[in-house]
Protein backbone atom coordinates (compact mmCIF):
# COMPACT_ATOMS: atom_id res chain seq x y z
CA MET A 1 12.22 -75.24 36.06
CA LYS A 2 15.11 -77.65 36.55
CA GLU A 3 13.30 -80.17 34.41
CA LEU A 4 12.74 -77.60 31.67
CA LEU A 5 16.42 -76.60 31.73
CA ALA A 6 17.50 -80.23 31.69
CA GLN A 7 15.35 -80.89 28.62
CA HIS A 8 16.68 -77.82 26.75
CA SER A 9 20.27 -77.56 28.04
CA GLY A 10 21.67 -77.94 24.52
CA LEU A 11 19.55 -75.01 23.37
CA ALA A 12 20.70 -72.88 26.32
CA TRP A 13 24.36 -73.62 25.55
CA ALA A 14 23.82 -72.85 21.88
CA LEU A 15 22.25 -69.50 22.82
CA ILE A 16 25.18 -68.63 25.12
CA GLY A 17 27.65 -69.64 22.40
CA ALA A 18 25.85 -67.48 19.85
CA LEU A 19 25.95 -64.48 22.20
CA VAL A 20 29.69 -64.94 22.83
CA LEU A 21 30.35 -65.29 19.10
CA MET A 22 28.33 -62.16 18.38
CA ALA A 23 30.25 -60.19 21.02
CA ALA A 24 33.57 -61.38 19.56
CA LEU A 25 32.50 -60.31 16.06
CA ILE A 26 31.46 -56.88 17.30
CA LEU A 27 34.81 -56.41 19.04
CA LEU A 28 36.64 -57.51 15.91
CA LEU A 29 34.69 -55.07 13.74
CA LEU A 30 35.40 -52.23 16.15
CA ARG A 31 39.12 -53.06 16.12
CA VAL A 32 39.22 -53.12 12.30
CA ARG A 33 37.34 -49.84 12.16
CA ARG A 34 39.81 -48.24 14.59
CA ARG A 35 42.80 -49.45 12.58
CA ARG A 36 41.30 -48.23 9.35
CA GLY A 37 40.68 -44.84 10.95
CA ARG A 38 44.30 -44.66 12.13
CA ARG A 39 45.57 -45.58 8.68
CA ASP A 40 43.40 -42.89 7.05
CA ARG A 41 44.70 -40.26 9.48
CA SER A 42 48.31 -41.29 8.84
CA ILE A 43 47.83 -40.67 5.15
CA THR A 44 46.74 -37.10 5.77
CA SER A 45 49.19 -36.35 8.57
CA PRO A 46 52.92 -36.23 7.71
CA ALA A 47 53.86 -36.35 11.41
CA GLN A 48 51.88 -39.54 11.89
CA SER A 49 53.22 -40.99 8.65
CA ARG A 50 56.77 -40.62 9.99
CA ALA A 51 55.75 -42.37 13.20
CA THR A 52 53.97 -45.23 11.44
CA GLY A 53 56.36 -45.55 8.51
CA VAL A 54 53.62 -44.99 5.92
CA LYS A 55 55.05 -42.99 3.03
CA VAL A 56 52.97 -40.01 2.02
CA ALA A 57 53.34 -37.83 -1.03
CA PRO A 58 54.35 -34.39 0.19
CA ALA A 59 51.71 -31.72 -0.08
CA LYS A 60 52.34 -28.94 -2.59
CA VAL A 61 53.76 -25.93 -0.83
CA ASP A 62 53.30 -22.39 -2.02
CA PRO A 63 56.77 -20.91 -2.68
CA ALA A 64 55.59 -17.55 -1.33
CA VAL A 65 54.76 -19.21 1.99
CA LEU A 66 58.22 -20.81 2.05
CA ILE A 67 59.93 -17.51 1.29
CA ALA A 68 57.99 -15.86 4.12
CA ALA A 69 58.99 -18.71 6.47
CA VAL A 70 62.65 -18.34 5.46
CA GLN A 71 62.55 -14.59 6.06
CA GLU A 72 60.88 -15.13 9.43
CA ALA A 73 63.45 -17.75 10.46
CA GLU A 74 66.36 -15.57 9.30
CA MET A 75 65.04 -12.53 11.17
CA ALA A 76 64.41 -14.55 14.32
CA GLY A 77 67.84 -16.18 14.11
CA GLN A 78 66.28 -19.65 13.90
CA GLN A 79 69.20 -21.22 12.04
CA ASP A 80 67.95 -24.71 12.86
CA ARG A 81 64.86 -24.27 10.65
CA LEU A 82 66.67 -22.93 7.60
CA PRO A 83 68.22 -26.06 6.00
CA ALA A 84 64.86 -27.80 5.55
CA LEU A 85 63.21 -24.59 4.35
CA TYR A 86 65.96 -24.00 1.78
CA LEU A 87 65.62 -27.60 0.60
CA SER A 88 61.87 -27.15 0.17
CA LEU A 89 62.41 -23.92 -1.74
CA ALA A 90 64.93 -25.65 -3.97
CA GLN A 91 62.44 -28.41 -4.72
CA CYS A 92 59.84 -25.78 -5.70
CA ARG A 93 62.38 -24.12 -8.00
CA ILE A 94 63.29 -27.47 -9.58
CA GLU A 95 59.62 -28.17 -10.27
CA ALA A 96 59.33 -24.71 -11.84
CA GLY A 97 62.37 -25.41 -14.05
CA GLU A 98 64.50 -22.73 -12.36
CA SER A 99 67.67 -24.76 -11.84
CA ALA A 100 70.00 -21.82 -11.11
CA ASP A 101 67.83 -20.66 -8.21
CA ALA A 102 67.40 -24.26 -7.08
CA GLU A 103 71.17 -24.76 -6.98
CA GLU A 104 71.61 -21.68 -4.81
CA PHE A 105 68.98 -22.85 -2.33
CA LEU A 106 70.49 -26.34 -2.29
CA ARG A 107 73.91 -24.88 -1.47
CA LYS A 108 72.39 -22.80 1.32
CA SER A 109 70.69 -25.92 2.63
CA ILE A 110 73.98 -27.84 2.59
CA ARG A 111 75.86 -25.03 4.35
CA GLY A 112 73.18 -24.81 7.03
CA ALA A 113 72.86 -28.57 7.36
CA GLY A 114 76.54 -29.09 8.05
CA GLY A 115 75.83 -30.00 11.66
CA ALA A 116 75.05 -33.50 12.81
CA ARG A 117 71.38 -32.70 13.37
CA HIS A 118 70.61 -32.20 9.69
CA LYS A 119 72.35 -35.09 7.97
CA GLN A 120 69.21 -36.25 6.19
CA THR A 121 68.51 -32.78 4.82
CA HIS A 122 72.17 -32.54 3.80
CA ALA A 123 71.97 -35.89 2.00
CA LYS A 124 68.76 -34.98 0.15
CA ALA A 125 70.24 -31.65 -0.93
CA ARG A 126 73.37 -33.42 -2.19
CA LEU A 127 71.27 -35.86 -4.23
CA ALA A 128 69.32 -33.03 -5.82
CA LEU A 129 72.46 -30.99 -6.49
CA GLY A 130 74.03 -34.06 -8.09
CA ASP A 131 70.97 -34.53 -10.27
CA LEU A 132 71.17 -30.89 -11.40
CA ALA A 133 74.90 -31.21 -12.13
CA HIS A 134 74.29 -34.38 -14.13
CA ALA A 135 71.46 -32.74 -16.09
CA SER A 136 73.74 -29.82 -16.95
CA GLY A 137 76.42 -32.18 -18.30
CA ASP A 138 78.83 -32.33 -15.34
CA PRO A 139 79.03 -36.01 -14.38
CA THR A 140 82.11 -35.61 -12.17
CA THR A 141 80.43 -33.07 -9.89
CA ALA A 142 77.24 -35.15 -9.93
CA CYS A 143 79.17 -38.23 -8.80
CA GLU A 144 80.84 -36.27 -6.00
CA HIS A 145 77.51 -35.04 -4.65
CA TRP A 146 75.91 -38.47 -4.93
CA GLN A 147 78.82 -40.09 -3.12
CA ILE A 148 78.54 -37.64 -0.22
CA ALA A 149 74.80 -38.31 -0.05
CA ARG A 150 75.44 -42.07 -0.09
CA ALA A 151 77.94 -41.73 2.78
CA LEU A 152 75.47 -39.67 4.82
CA PHE A 153 72.70 -42.23 4.29
CA HIS A 154 75.16 -44.91 5.42
CA GLU A 155 75.89 -42.94 8.62
CA LEU A 156 72.17 -42.52 9.23
CA LYS A 157 71.63 -46.26 8.69
CA GLN A 158 69.03 -45.51 6.02
CA HIS A 159 69.73 -48.60 3.99
CA ALA A 160 67.12 -48.06 1.28
CA ASP A 161 68.28 -44.49 0.60
CA HIS A 162 71.92 -45.62 0.68
CA ALA A 163 71.19 -48.37 -1.85
CA ALA A 164 69.23 -45.95 -4.06
CA ALA A 165 72.13 -43.48 -4.07
CA GLU A 166 74.58 -46.25 -4.89
CA GLN A 167 72.36 -47.48 -7.73
CA ARG A 168 72.18 -43.94 -9.08
CA MET A 169 75.98 -43.79 -9.02
CA LEU A 170 76.36 -47.15 -10.75
CA ARG A 171 73.71 -46.35 -13.34
CA ASN A 172 75.57 -43.15 -14.26
CA GLY A 173 79.07 -44.66 -14.33
CA CYS A 174 80.36 -43.18 -11.08
CA PRO A 175 83.14 -44.98 -9.28
CA THR A 176 81.83 -46.23 -5.94
CA ASP A 177 85.21 -46.54 -4.25
CA TRP A 178 86.31 -42.90 -4.36
CA VAL A 179 87.90 -41.23 -1.41
CA LEU A 180 87.10 -37.57 -1.70
CA THR A 181 89.77 -35.09 -0.74
CA ASP A 182 89.82 -31.30 -0.83
CA PHE A 183 86.06 -31.06 -1.20
């Protein structure tokens, strides 16, 4: 047996190497498959997309469901839920072309988001309210809202959103060095 192994030792080593290589390829394929599965789940799950940083287009929300959620939160005294719900309702109204209703929901969102816990919601509502003001021919009010949004994004250290708000201001002729008073 020793003589047989000695004569074919190169073949034995080649066989062992092939087995190790095959095992490594199988492990690599399993790892790729797992990653691809995680990526697919993150696209369908907004909670996972926030954790992984993958941007996902928001799912369409039925306004009737939002209104029911607002009523439920108001009745239960869940003030913490309201700013985001109002913002979502405003976005639905904007998509439907109902800017007056959208403005009212955006203002409610801003009033409810005044606390430190809802700065991002506050900033998004300010951007949208600025866009509506600009579309209705009021560039001064638009600039004021955009500047507040820009300042909130700066506080939140959301550099991309801050830069986007600043670009919006520059593109529309807003001064970027204002100091707002009595607002």
